[in-house]
Amino acid sequence: MGARLAGVEVHLPERRLDTAEVERRIGPYTPPPGLIHRLTGIASRHVTADGEQASDLAAAAARKLLAGTGTATADVDLLIFASASQDLVEPATAHIVAAALELRCPVMDVKNACNSVLNAIEVADALIVAGRYGTVLIASGETPSRAVRWEVSSMREFLRAFPGYTLSDAGAALLLTAGPPDAGVLATAFTADSRHWGAGTLAGGGSRHPREEEHTYFAMDSARLRSAFLAVGTGVLDATLDRLGLTWADLAVVAVHQVSLPYLDVFAQRAGVPADKLVVTVAEHGNVASASLPLQLVTARELGRCGPGDRVALVGLAGGISLGIAVVAL
């Protein structure tokens, strides 16, 4: 028995914020006009409505998925909320999503920054293969726009907050069901170098900084993160493809977590991923955190670039840092 990807959907907030407006909001330090777009290639991003939560985005995507696949709520055996964002520290946001969807199944949160959805796929696959559950719903709601620092007084503060200006809100949902072992999730693999966990943080709300407002904003060292990812290399990706007897050329689509256009190009070249296998979403939609890979799959499907019978790869990069891959037969 294997885990089949029965469907994937996304939900994007209607409100858009273009990069020129982002630059106008930053102050009192004023970055050079056009700098953010030149460095990231991002033209716009999505922003949740006031009062809208991560659970709302996840539930919206899940409703679309359940309706599109004809899946009744009673048929869902397990709900995994997989996201860097969350509504509350306690309880698990999965409970809030389940209540919104009127589910009566076990729930859990899986959290690993921008690899949360990819890790949830591995968890769901393992539980289905073990025979513990037959139908697993993965739902993600990302609201990183709530933690962007707009008030910066110097170039140094601006650079520390800079990755936040790429971030975007989105919801995503995936449905995994039991199926034949030669279809669905063919392989998953991960690696991590946790020595670099401090290179990118959102520290507020945890035991280290439970209440200080200063720690409710993203703080990132972009150069250190980039160097750490390059040092980790692509060995886990190469080994996974070798184990399956595949190359990048055998895949219809290679979805890679996207934080900016320049870094996507650098990573793809280092990994040997052909440019025509990529689905570029970051320019129009920004960095939607763990919803990035589902967004790329949905975009590829809508463009007719992948469909039933095709094999795709999902490549995740996340703070911490971690690197992972899932190869899936649709």
Protein backbone atom coordinates (compact mmCIF):
# COMPACT_ATOMS: atom_id res chain seq x y z
CA MET A 1 0.00 0.00 0.00
CA GLY A 2 1.17 3.50 -0.82
CA ALA A 3 -0.04 7.08 -0.40
CA ARG A 4 -1.70 8.65 -3.44
CA LEU A 5 -1.95 12.41 -3.88
CA ALA A 6 -5.67 12.65 -4.59
CA GLY A 7 -5.78 16.43 -4.92
CA VAL A 8 -4.21 19.80 -4.15
CA GLU A 9 -5.72 23.29 -3.95
CA VAL A 10 -4.72 26.77 -2.84
CA HIS A 11 -6.52 29.83 -1.54
CA LEU A 12 -5.01 33.27 -2.19
CA PRO A 13 -6.30 36.38 -0.36
CA GLU A 14 -7.81 38.94 -2.74
CA ARG A 15 -5.85 41.89 -1.36
CA ARG A 16 -2.57 42.48 -3.20
CA LEU A 17 0.38 44.60 -2.15
CA ASP A 18 2.79 45.62 -4.89
CA THR A 19 6.47 46.18 -4.24
CA ALA A 20 6.30 49.94 -4.81
CA GLU A 21 3.73 50.18 -2.01
CA VAL A 22 5.93 48.04 0.23
CA GLU A 23 8.79 50.47 -0.26
CA ARG A 24 6.53 53.45 0.51
CA ARG A 25 5.45 51.87 3.81
CA ILE A 26 8.98 51.45 5.13
CA GLY A 27 10.32 54.25 7.31
CA PRO A 28 11.72 56.46 8.66
CA TYR A 29 14.68 54.96 6.77
CA THR A 30 13.80 55.03 3.07
CA PRO A 31 15.32 52.34 0.83
CA PRO A 32 16.44 53.33 -2.67
CA PRO A 33 13.41 53.24 -5.03
CA GLY A 34 13.08 49.91 -6.82
CA LEU A 35 15.70 48.18 -4.66
CA ILE A 36 13.42 45.43 -3.34
CA HIS A 37 12.20 44.50 -6.81
CA ARG A 38 15.72 44.50 -8.23
CA LEU A 39 17.00 42.22 -5.48
CA THR A 40 14.03 39.82 -5.35
CA GLY A 41 12.17 39.97 -8.67
CA ILE A 42 8.91 40.13 -6.70
CA ALA A 43 6.25 42.44 -8.12
CA SER A 44 3.40 41.73 -5.69
CA ARG A 45 2.25 39.61 -2.78
CA HIS A 46 -1.03 38.63 -1.05
CA VAL A 47 -2.20 40.01 2.30
CA THR A 48 -4.96 38.63 4.50
CA ALA A 49 -7.94 40.75 5.42
CA ASP A 50 -8.11 42.27 8.89
CA GLY A 51 -9.34 39.63 11.31
CA GLU A 52 -8.54 36.75 8.94
CA GLN A 53 -6.39 34.05 10.53
CA ALA A 54 -4.06 31.30 9.36
CA SER A 55 -6.79 28.77 10.12
CA ASP A 56 -9.23 30.66 7.86
CA LEU A 57 -6.85 30.41 4.89
CA ALA A 58 -6.26 26.72 5.55
CA ALA A 59 -9.98 26.00 5.89
CA ALA A 60 -10.78 27.89 2.67
CA ALA A 61 -8.26 25.82 0.69
CA ALA A 62 -9.48 22.61 2.34
CA ARG A 63 -13.13 23.31 1.49
CA LYS A 64 -12.18 23.80 -2.14
CA LEU A 65 -10.19 20.56 -2.12
CA LEU A 66 -12.87 18.45 -0.45
CA ALA A 67 -15.50 19.76 -2.85
CA GLY A 68 -13.29 19.25 -5.89
CA THR A 69 -12.40 15.67 -4.97
CA GLY A 70 -15.89 14.76 -3.81
CA THR A 71 -14.59 13.88 -0.34
CA ALA A 72 -17.05 13.93 2.54
CA THR A 73 -15.82 15.23 5.88
CA ALA A 74 -16.70 11.86 7.41
CA ASP A 75 -14.15 10.22 5.10
CA VAL A 76 -11.20 12.21 6.49
CA ASP A 77 -9.30 10.04 8.97
CA LEU A 78 -6.67 12.58 10.03
CA LEU A 79 -6.14 16.33 9.66
CA ILE A 80 -2.61 17.74 9.71
CA PHE A 81 -2.22 21.50 9.95
CA ALA A 82 1.19 22.15 8.41
CA SER A 83 2.41 25.73 8.48
CA ALA A 84 5.05 28.12 9.72
CA SER A 85 2.15 30.31 10.90
CA GLN A 86 -0.35 29.49 13.62
CA ASP A 87 -3.39 31.06 15.24
CA LEU A 88 -2.31 30.36 18.81
CA VAL A 89 0.50 28.79 20.78
CA GLU A 90 -2.08 26.51 22.42
CA PRO A 91 -4.08 24.55 21.32
CA ALA A 92 -2.86 23.19 17.99
CA THR A 93 -4.24 25.26 15.12
CA ALA A 94 -5.38 21.96 13.57
CA HIS A 95 -8.25 21.96 16.09
CA ILE A 96 -9.45 25.36 14.86
CA VAL A 97 -9.32 24.22 11.23
CA ALA A 98 -11.12 20.99 12.09
CA ALA A 99 -13.88 22.89 13.88
CA ALA A 100 -14.31 25.19 10.88
CA LEU A 101 -14.60 22.18 8.56
CA GLU A 102 -16.80 20.25 11.02
CA LEU A 103 -14.38 17.33 11.06
CA ARG A 104 -14.56 14.67 13.77
CA CYS A 105 -11.18 13.04 13.26
CA PRO A 106 -7.82 13.14 15.07
CA VAL A 107 -5.70 16.23 14.36
CA MET A 108 -2.14 17.43 14.79
CA ASP A 109 0.16 20.30 13.84
CA VAL A 110 3.39 19.70 11.91
CA LYS A 111 5.71 22.70 11.99
CA ASN A 112 9.08 23.15 10.30
CA ALA A 113 9.14 26.67 8.86
CA CYS A 114 8.76 26.66 5.07
CA ASN A 115 9.12 22.86 4.92
CA SER A 116 6.02 22.28 7.06
CA VAL A 117 3.87 21.01 4.18
CA LEU A 118 6.68 18.86 2.79
CA ASN A 119 7.26 17.29 6.21
CA ALA A 120 3.51 16.72 6.55
CA ILE A 121 3.55 14.80 3.26
CA GLU A 122 6.24 12.52 4.69
CA VAL A 123 4.24 12.03 7.90
CA ALA A 124 0.99 11.32 6.02
CA ASP A 125 2.76 8.92 3.66
CA ALA A 126 4.29 6.98 6.55
CA LEU A 127 0.97 6.73 8.42
CA ILE A 128 -0.92 5.58 5.33
CA VAL A 129 1.74 3.00 4.39
CA ALA A 130 1.66 1.72 7.99
CA GLY A 131 -2.10 1.24 7.68
CA ARG A 132 -2.90 3.65 10.49
CA TYR A 133 -5.03 6.02 8.37
CA GLY A 134 -6.56 5.76 4.92
CA THR A 135 -7.33 9.41 4.10
CA VAL A 136 -5.21 12.29 5.39
CA LEU A 137 -6.01 15.96 4.81
CA ILE A 138 -3.06 18.37 5.00
CA ALA A 139 -4.03 22.02 5.39
CA SER A 140 -1.74 25.05 5.56
CA GLY A 141 -2.45 28.67 6.35
CA GLU A 142 0.41 31.12 6.05
CA THR A 143 0.11 34.70 7.37
CA PRO A 144 3.72 35.96 7.54
CA SER A 145 2.62 39.49 6.57
CA ARG A 146 1.61 39.95 10.21
CA ALA A 147 5.26 39.79 11.30
CA VAL A 148 6.87 42.21 8.82
CA ARG A 149 8.77 45.12 10.35
CA TRP A 150 7.75 48.39 8.68
CA GLU A 151 9.47 50.82 11.04
CA VAL A 152 13.22 50.76 10.44
CA SER A 153 15.61 53.58 11.24
CA SER A 154 18.77 52.52 9.44
CA MET A 155 20.15 50.50 6.57
CA ARG A 156 21.25 47.86 9.08
CA GLU A 157 17.71 47.47 10.43
CA PHE A 158 16.35 47.42 6.89
CA LEU A 159 18.68 44.59 5.86
CA ARG A 160 17.78 42.58 8.99
CA ALA A 161 14.09 42.95 8.15
CA PHE A 162 14.57 42.61 4.37
CA PRO A 163 13.42 38.98 3.88
CA GLY A 164 10.08 39.95 5.41
CA TYR A 165 9.36 42.21 2.45
CA THR A 166 9.23 39.13 0.20
CA LEU A 167 6.60 37.34 2.29
CA SER A 168 3.03 36.66 1.23
CA ASP A 169 -0.10 35.07 2.70
CA ALA A 170 -1.82 31.97 1.33
CA GLY A 171 -3.74 28.82 2.17
CA ALA A 172 -3.11 25.36 0.74
CA ALA A 173 -4.55 21.87 1.09
CA LEU A 174 -3.53 18.39 -0.07
CA LEU A 175 -5.41 15.11 0.18
CA LEU A 176 -3.51 11.83 0.48
CA THR A 177 -5.31 8.49 0.28
CA ALA A 178 -4.30 4.83 0.26
CA GLY A 179 -3.36 3.53 -3.18
CA PRO A 180 -1.04 1.19 -5.07
CA PRO A 181 2.64 1.38 -4.04
CA ASP A 182 3.87 2.24 -7.55
CA ALA A 183 1.86 5.49 -7.63
CA GLY A 184 1.55 8.47 -5.35
CA VAL A 185 4.45 9.33 -3.05
CA LEU A 186 7.43 7.46 -4.48
CA ALA A 187 10.06 8.78 -2.07
CA THR A 188 10.78 11.44 0.53
CA ALA A 189 14.08 12.48 2.07
CA PHE A 190 15.35 15.30 4.29
CA THR A 191 18.54 16.70 5.71
CA ALA A 192 19.26 19.53 8.14
CA ASP A 193 22.09 21.61 9.55
CA SER A 194 20.57 22.95 12.76
CA ARG A 195 23.67 24.92 13.74
CA HIS A 196 22.18 27.77 11.70
CA TRP A 197 18.81 28.00 13.45
CA GLY A 198 19.57 31.54 14.63
CA ALA A 199 20.04 32.90 11.10
CA GLY A 200 16.31 33.44 10.70
CA THR A 201 13.86 33.73 13.56
CA LEU A 202 10.42 34.88 14.63
CA ALA A 203 11.02 34.58 18.33
CA GLY A 204 7.92 36.07 19.94
CA GLY A 205 5.48 33.90 21.85
CA GLY A 206 7.90 31.14 22.80
CA SER A 207 9.54 30.53 26.15
CA ARG A 208 12.60 32.61 25.20
CA HIS A 209 10.59 35.77 24.45
CA PRO A 210 6.99 35.28 25.56
CA ARG A 211 5.84 38.91 25.47
CA GLU A 212 8.39 41.34 24.05
CA GLU A 213 7.04 43.20 21.01
CA GLU A 214 10.53 43.46 19.51
CA HIS A 215 10.48 39.70 18.88
CA THR A 216 7.15 39.68 17.03
CA TYR A 217 8.95 40.59 13.78
CA PHE A 218 11.04 38.47 11.45
CA ALA A 219 14.79 38.88 11.97
CA MET A 220 16.97 37.25 9.34
CA ASP A 221 20.56 37.17 8.18
CA SER A 222 20.08 36.63 4.45
CA ALA A 223 23.77 36.15 3.68
CA ARG A 224 24.19 33.53 6.40
CA LEU A 225 21.08 31.65 5.28
CA ARG A 226 22.24 31.61 1.69
CA SER A 227 25.72 30.40 2.65
CA ALA A 228 24.24 27.69 4.89
CA PHE A 229 22.02 26.32 2.12
CA LEU A 230 24.86 26.31 -0.38
CA ALA A 231 27.06 24.48 2.15
CA VAL A 232 24.44 21.78 2.73
CA GLY A 233 24.57 21.01 -0.98
CA THR A 234 22.21 18.87 -3.02
CA GLY A 235 23.35 15.40 -1.98
CA VAL A 236 19.99 14.41 -0.51
CA LEU A 237 18.26 15.36 -3.78
CA ASP A 238 20.75 13.47 -5.95
CA ALA A 239 20.60 10.36 -3.75
CA THR A 240 16.80 10.29 -3.83
CA LEU A 241 16.64 10.50 -7.60
CA ASP A 242 19.37 7.86 -7.92
CA ARG A 243 17.44 5.53 -5.63
CA LEU A 244 14.41 5.86 -7.90
CA GLY A 245 16.47 5.54 -11.08
CA LEU A 246 15.34 8.99 -12.21
CA THR A 247 16.86 12.26 -13.35
CA TRP A 248 15.37 15.75 -13.38
CA ALA A 249 14.61 15.19 -17.07
CA ASP A 250 12.21 12.35 -16.17
CA LEU A 251 9.97 14.73 -14.20
CA ALA A 252 7.21 16.86 -15.66
CA VAL A 253 7.69 19.58 -13.04
CA VAL A 254 10.20 20.38 -10.31
CA ALA A 255 8.62 22.64 -7.68
CA VAL A 256 11.27 24.42 -5.62
CA HIS A 257 10.50 26.60 -2.61
CA GLN A 258 10.88 30.17 -3.84
CA VAL A 259 12.07 33.12 -1.77
CA SER A 260 13.31 35.26 -4.68
CA LEU A 261 14.01 34.97 -8.39
CA PRO A 262 17.81 35.36 -8.07
CA TYR A 263 18.10 32.63 -5.42
CA LEU A 264 15.81 30.31 -7.39
CA ASP A 265 18.21 30.64 -10.32
CA VAL A 266 21.25 30.00 -8.12
CA PHE A 267 19.72 26.94 -6.47
CA ALA A 268 18.44 25.45 -9.73
CA GLN A 269 21.87 25.81 -11.32
CA ARG A 270 23.61 24.23 -8.30
CA ALA A 271 21.13 21.34 -8.24
CA GLY A 272 21.17 20.88 -12.01
CA VAL A 273 17.43 21.45 -12.40
CA PRO A 274 16.61 22.50 -15.99
CA ALA A 275 14.91 25.89 -16.14
CA ASP A 276 12.02 24.48 -18.19
CA LYS A 277 11.09 22.17 -15.31
CA LEU A 278 10.51 25.06 -12.88
CA VAL A 279 7.17 26.77 -12.23
CA VAL A 280 7.91 30.37 -11.26
CA THR A 281 5.33 31.81 -8.86
CA VAL A 282 7.39 34.07 -6.61
CA ALA A 283 7.35 37.09 -8.94
CA GLU A 284 3.56 37.38 -8.94
CA HIS A 285 2.69 35.87 -5.57
CA GLY A 286 5.74 36.44 -3.36
CA ASN A 287 7.19 33.98 -0.89
CA VAL A 288 4.14 32.14 0.49
CA ALA A 289 6.21 30.06 2.92
CA SER A 290 5.12 26.42 3.16
CA ALA A 291 2.25 27.01 0.70
CA SER A 292 4.83 27.60 -2.04
CA LEU A 293 5.04 23.99 -3.27
CA PRO A 294 1.25 23.43 -3.43
CA LEU A 295 0.90 26.77 -5.23
CA GLN A 296 3.40 25.67 -7.84
CA LEU A 297 1.62 22.33 -8.34
CA VAL A 298 -1.74 24.04 -8.82
CA THR A 299 -0.19 26.57 -11.20
CA ALA A 300 1.47 23.79 -13.22
CA ARG A 301 -1.83 21.91 -13.41
CA GLU A 302 -3.70 25.00 -14.60
CA LEU A 303 -1.04 25.60 -17.25
CA GLY A 304 -1.35 22.01 -18.46
CA ARG A 305 2.23 21.22 -17.50
CA CYS A 306 1.40 18.19 -15.36
CA GLY A 307 -1.48 15.78 -14.92
CA PRO A 308 -2.40 12.18 -14.09
CA GLY A 309 0.48 9.79 -14.74
CA ASP A 310 3.18 12.46 -14.57
CA ARG A 311 5.95 12.44 -11.99
CA VAL A 312 6.85 15.62 -10.13
CA ALA A 313 9.38 16.60 -7.49
CA LEU A 314 8.77 18.93 -4.56
CA VAL A 315 11.96 20.48 -3.22
CA GLY A 316 11.78 22.36 0.06
CA LEU A 317 14.17 24.77 1.76
CA ALA A 318 13.44 26.08 5.23
CA GLY A 319 14.94 28.06 8.06
CA GLY A 320 16.62 26.06 10.73
CA ILE A 321 17.99 25.03 8.24
CA SER A 322 16.53 22.04 6.38
CA LEU A 323 16.37 20.73 2.84
CA GLY A 324 13.99 18.05 1.59
CA ILE A 325 12.40 16.39 -1.42
CA ALA A 326 9.29 14.40 -2.23
CA VAL A 327 8.90 12.65 -5.59
CA VAL A 328 5.26 12.01 -6.47
CA ALA A 329 3.49 10.22 -9.29
CA LEU A 330 0.25 12.08 -9.96
